[in-house]
Protein backbone atom coordinates (compact mmCIF):
# COMPACT_ATOMS: atom_id res chain seq x y z
CA MET A 1 -19.45 -65.89 8.38
CA VAL A 2 -20.11 -62.00 7.67
CA LEU A 3 -22.12 -61.51 4.54
CA LEU A 4 -21.41 -58.33 2.39
CA ALA A 5 -24.21 -56.49 0.66
CA PRO A 6 -23.37 -56.40 -2.78
CA SER A 7 -22.38 -53.01 -3.65
CA ARG A 8 -24.60 -50.94 -5.67
CA VAL A 9 -24.30 -50.35 -9.34
CA TYR A 10 -25.54 -47.73 -11.26
CA GLN A 11 -26.44 -47.72 -15.02
CA HIS A 12 -25.18 -44.63 -16.80
CA PRO A 13 -25.64 -44.11 -20.64
CA GLU A 14 -22.62 -43.98 -23.27
CA VAL A 15 -21.33 -40.86 -24.34
CA ASP A 16 -23.50 -41.28 -28.16
CA GLU A 17 -26.07 -42.24 -26.10
CA ILE A 18 -26.70 -39.08 -24.08
CA ALA A 19 -29.54 -36.88 -25.56
CA ILE A 20 -29.25 -33.01 -25.89
CA PRO A 21 -33.35 -33.00 -24.83
CA ARG A 22 -32.94 -35.34 -22.04
CA VAL A 23 -30.05 -33.01 -20.28
CA LEU A 24 -31.60 -29.82 -21.08
CA PHE A 25 -34.20 -30.96 -19.48
CA ALA A 26 -32.14 -32.21 -16.60
CA LEU A 27 -30.53 -28.93 -16.57
CA SER A 28 -34.28 -26.96 -16.08
CA GLU A 29 -34.75 -27.22 -12.89
CA PRO A 30 -33.16 -24.99 -10.57
CA LEU A 31 -32.37 -27.44 -7.96
CA ARG A 32 -30.37 -29.61 -10.12
CA LEU A 33 -28.68 -26.54 -11.95
CA SER A 34 -27.57 -25.88 -8.77
CA MET A 35 -26.22 -29.28 -8.24
CA VAL A 36 -24.36 -29.07 -11.21
CA ARG A 37 -22.78 -25.99 -10.37
CA MET A 38 -21.43 -27.45 -6.93
CA LEU A 39 -20.15 -30.01 -8.55
CA ALA A 40 -18.65 -28.23 -11.38
CA GLU A 41 -16.70 -26.36 -8.85
CA ARG A 42 -16.25 -28.92 -6.03
CA GLY A 43 -15.55 -32.19 -8.11
CA GLU A 44 -17.05 -35.41 -6.88
CA VAL A 45 -18.87 -34.70 -3.68
CA ASP A 46 -20.85 -37.19 -1.78
CA SER A 47 -24.71 -37.15 -2.59
CA ILE A 48 -25.53 -35.53 0.49
CA GLU A 49 -23.65 -32.68 0.40
CA LEU A 50 -25.83 -31.75 -2.59
CA GLY A 51 -29.14 -31.07 -0.79
CA PRO A 52 -28.01 -31.38 3.10
CA ASP A 53 -31.86 -30.25 3.90
CA LEU A 54 -33.66 -32.30 1.33
CA PRO A 55 -35.51 -35.71 2.36
CA ARG A 56 -33.89 -38.26 1.26
CA SER A 57 -36.45 -39.47 -1.69
CA THR A 58 -36.02 -35.50 -3.23
CA LEU A 59 -32.12 -36.31 -3.17
CA THR A 60 -32.78 -39.51 -4.67
CA HIS A 61 -35.13 -38.11 -7.59
CA HIS A 62 -32.93 -35.46 -8.80
CA THR A 63 -29.71 -37.10 -8.45
CA SER A 64 -31.33 -40.00 -10.44
CA LEU A 65 -32.71 -37.94 -13.20
CA LEU A 66 -29.23 -36.01 -13.60
CA ARG A 67 -27.89 -39.86 -13.88
CA GLU A 68 -29.97 -41.43 -16.23
CA SER A 69 -29.80 -37.90 -18.30
CA GLY A 70 -25.70 -38.69 -18.69
CA VAL A 71 -24.99 -35.22 -16.50
CA VAL A 72 -23.78 -36.61 -13.92
CA PHE A 73 -21.55 -39.98 -12.83
CA VAL A 74 -22.43 -41.72 -9.32
CA ARG A 75 -20.64 -44.59 -7.58
CA ALA A 76 -21.24 -46.20 -4.54
CA GLU A 77 -18.24 -46.44 -1.83
CA GLY A 78 -19.50 -47.98 1.45
CA ARG A 79 -22.03 -46.29 2.32
CA LYS A 80 -21.62 -43.21 0.54
CA CYS A 81 -23.06 -42.10 -2.74
CA LEU A 82 -20.37 -40.08 -4.87
CA ILE A 83 -21.41 -38.31 -7.40
CA GLN A 84 -19.25 -36.16 -10.39
CA LEU A 85 -20.37 -33.87 -13.31
CA ARG A 86 -19.52 -35.91 -16.50
CA HIS A 87 -17.95 -32.15 -17.73
CA ASP A 88 -15.39 -34.28 -20.66
CA ASP A 89 -18.39 -36.34 -21.96
CA LEU A 90 -20.84 -34.04 -22.04
CA GLU A 91 -18.17 -31.53 -23.57
CA ALA A 92 -17.37 -34.65 -26.24
CA ARG A 93 -21.07 -34.98 -26.86
CA PHE A 94 -22.28 -31.38 -26.94
CA PRO A 95 -18.91 -29.22 -27.35
CA GLY A 96 -19.40 -25.95 -25.19
CA LEU A 97 -22.67 -26.63 -24.01
CA ILE A 98 -22.12 -27.71 -19.99
CA ASP A 99 -19.93 -24.13 -19.68
CA THR A 100 -22.56 -21.71 -21.36
CA VAL A 101 -25.28 -23.04 -19.51
CA LEU A 102 -23.10 -23.24 -16.32
CA ASN A 103 -21.49 -19.70 -17.06
CA GLY A 104 -25.06 -18.34 -17.90
CA TYR A 105 -26.61 -19.52 -14.59
CA GLN A 106 -23.85 -18.01 -12.47
CA GLU A 107 -24.51 -14.45 -14.32
CA ALA A 108 -28.16 -15.08 -13.45
CA ALA A 109 -27.89 -15.24 -10.37
CA PRO A 110 -26.98 -12.19 -8.77
CA ALA A 111 -29.52 -10.35 -10.53
CA GLN A 112 -32.08 -13.39 -9.57
CA GLU A 113 -31.06 -11.93 -6.16
CA ASP A 114 -31.47 -8.11 -6.25
CA ALA A 115 -35.23 -8.83 -7.92
């Protein structure tokens, strides 16, 4: 008899529980902001793709913070941990916020590289 390990289940805040201070805190760290930008551009990705050079504990810390703040949705699929931006939920809760932050981040990136 083969026993399978139970699938990981992640807790996510409901849309009406997403709080702007937590979202802004999650987006205030450059690494997390670049993760969110990647998710906005690519859709759902394996968590490893968000930080292939990061220690697993660091990656877990940042993705957990994004999940707990309501910025991303995480699901397990076998050994993978798939993550996607909760764009529609964030748009419903705070219209225009995520697009404004991401657009500002993209505009600031070339200026930072020139410095």
